[in-house]
C-alpha atoms as a PDB file:
ATOM      1  CA  MET A   1      11.427  -0.980  14.346  1.00  0.00           C
ATOM      2  CA  THR A   2      10.342  -0.151  10.800  1.00  0.00           C
ATOM      3  CA  ASN A   3       6.941  -0.840   9.340  1.00  0.00           C
ATOM      4  CA  ASN A   4       6.640  -3.685   6.860  1.00  0.00           C
ATOM      5  CA  PHE A   5       4.665  -2.595   3.791  1.00  0.00           C
ATOM      6  CA  ASP A   6       6.133  -5.296   1.504  1.00  0.00           C
ATOM      7  CA  ALA A   7       3.260  -7.610   0.531  1.00  0.00           C
ATOM      8  CA  ASN A   8       5.769  -9.975  -1.119  1.00  0.00           C
ATOM      9  CA  ASN A   9       7.624 -10.421   2.169  1.00  0.00           C
ATOM     10  CA  THR A  10       7.794 -14.061   3.206  1.00  0.00           C
ATOM     11  CA  ASP A  11       9.301 -13.703   6.669  1.00  0.00           C
ATOM     12  CA  ARG A  12       7.156 -13.457   9.789  1.00  0.00           C
ATOM     13  CA  THR A  13       7.278  -9.652  10.030  1.00  0.00           C
ATOM     14  CA  PRO A  14       3.674  -8.395  10.294  1.00  0.00           C
ATOM     15  CA  LEU A  15       2.394  -6.802   7.083  1.00  0.00           C
ATOM     16  CA  ARG A  16       0.958  -3.303   7.509  1.00  0.00           C
ATOM     17  CA  CYS A  17      -1.645  -1.430   5.477  1.00  0.00           C
ATOM     18  CA  ILE A  18      -0.019   1.172   3.215  1.00  0.00           C
ATOM     19  CA  VAL A  19      -2.698   3.716   4.229  1.00  0.00           C
ATOM     20  CA  CYS A  20      -3.588   3.377   7.926  1.00  0.00           C
ATOM     21  CA  GLU A  21      -0.483   1.370   8.881  1.00  0.00           C
ATOM     22  CA  ASN A  22      -2.508  -1.130  10.932  1.00  0.00           C
ATOM     23  CA  VAL A  23      -1.243  -4.700  11.020  1.00  0.00           C
ATOM     24  CA  ILE A  24      -2.953  -6.989   8.504  1.00  0.00           C
ATOM     25  CA  PRO A  25      -3.242 -10.351  10.273  1.00  0.00           C
ATOM     26  CA  ASP A  26      -2.669 -13.645   8.439  1.00  0.00           C
ATOM     27  CA  ALA A  27      -2.534 -12.020   4.980  1.00  0.00           C
ATOM     28  CA  ALA A  28      -6.205 -11.004   5.294  1.00  0.00           C
ATOM     29  CA  TRP A  29      -5.716  -7.932   3.112  1.00  0.00           C
ATOM     30  CA  PHE A  30      -8.532  -6.372   1.074  1.00  0.00           C
ATOM     31  CA  ALA A  31      -6.286  -5.545  -1.881  1.00  0.00           C
ATOM     32  CA  ARG A  32      -2.684  -6.151  -2.842  1.00  0.00           C
ATOM     33  CA  PHE A  33      -1.222  -4.124  -5.680  1.00  0.00           C
ATOM     34  CA  LYS A  34       2.004  -3.126  -7.382  1.00  0.00           C
ATOM     35  CA  LEU A  35       3.609   0.130  -6.298  1.00  0.00           C
ATOM     36  CA  GLY A  36       7.033   0.887  -7.718  1.00  0.00           C
ATOM     37  CA  ASP A  37       9.076  -2.318  -7.836  1.00  0.00           C
ATOM     38  CA  GLY A  38       7.159  -4.031  -5.045  1.00  0.00           C
ATOM     39  CA  ARG A  39       3.697  -4.911  -3.841  1.00  0.00           C
ATOM     40  CA  VAL A  40       1.765  -3.283  -1.013  1.00  0.00           C
ATOM     41  CA  ALA A  41      -1.566  -4.044   0.620  1.00  0.00           C
ATOM     42  CA  ALA A  42      -4.646  -2.171   1.796  1.00  0.00           C
ATOM     43  CA  CYS A  43      -6.660  -3.588   4.670  1.00  0.00           C
ATOM     44  CA  SER A  44     -10.145  -2.380   3.675  1.00  0.00           C
ATOM     45  CA  PRO A  45     -12.231  -0.735   0.949  1.00  0.00           C
ATOM     46  CA  HIS A  46     -12.053   2.506   2.941  1.00  0.00           C
ATOM     47  CA  CYS A  47      -8.240   2.439   2.911  1.00  0.00           C
ATOM     48  CA  MET A  48      -8.248   1.695  -0.816  1.00  0.00           C
ATOM     49  CA  GLU A  49     -10.376   4.824  -1.401  1.00  0.00           C
ATOM     50  CA  LYS A  50      -8.040   6.852   0.809  1.00  0.00           C
ATOM     51  CA  PHE A  51      -5.073   5.525  -1.174  1.00  0.00           C
ATOM     52  CA  PHE A  52      -6.596   6.819  -4.421  1.00  0.00           C
ATOM     53  CA  ASP A  53      -7.118  10.230  -2.790  1.00  0.00           C
ATOM     54  CA  ASN A  54      -3.558  10.353  -1.357  1.00  0.00           C
ATOM     55  CA  LYS A  55      -1.415   8.276  -3.736  1.00  0.00           C
ATOM     56  CA  ARG A  56       1.712  10.396  -3.485  1.00  0.00           C
ATOM     57  CA  GLU A  57       1.784  10.400   0.331  1.00  0.00           C
ATOM     58  CA  CYS A  58       1.229   6.645   0.487  1.00  0.00           C
ATOM     59  CA  ALA A  59       3.847   5.952  -2.178  1.00  0.00           C
ATOM     60  CA  ALA A  60       6.387   8.034  -0.267  1.00  0.00           C
ATOM     61  CA  LYS A  61       6.098   5.569   2.655  1.00  0.00           C
ATOM     62  CA  VAL A  62       7.861   2.966   0.516  1.00  0.00           C
ATOM     63  CA  GLY A  63      10.213   5.389  -1.227  1.00  0.00           C
ATOM     64  CA  VAL A  64       8.270   5.628  -4.491  1.00  0.00           C
ATOM     65  CA  THR A  65       7.822   8.994  -6.213  1.00  0.00           C
ATOM     66  CA  LEU A  66       4.741   9.371  -8.397  1.00  0.00           C
ATOM     67  CA  LEU A  67       5.256  12.038 -11.014  1.00  0.00           C
ATOM     68  CA  ALA A  68       1.781  12.651 -12.436  1.00  0.00           C
ATOM     69  CA  ASP A  69      -1.644  11.104 -12.513  1.00  0.00           C
ATOM     70  CA  PRO A  70      -2.486   9.396 -15.795  1.00  0.00           C
ATOM     71  CA  PRO A  71      -5.042  11.183 -17.945  1.00  0.00           C
ATOM     72  CA  LYS A  72      -8.632  10.232 -17.237  1.00  0.00           C
ATOM     73  CA  THR A  73     -10.487   8.555 -20.049  1.00  0.00           C
ATOM     74  CA  TYR A  74     -14.217   8.228 -20.043  1.00  0.00           C
END
């Protein structure tokens, strides 16, 4: 069985957090965001922080390759 990271998915397959891969019950995600051509979800603020620290690894879970981080502007 494959993990469902597609936050646009409308079937009854349980949605999983893109970071920790835990099931997100009843669409109770902390954040849902665009990644590649689809949307993914994070289950908590902690997972959102971990996503920002490990974007490439998380993106690879859904077959998305991130080339470079955008320049930081302050």
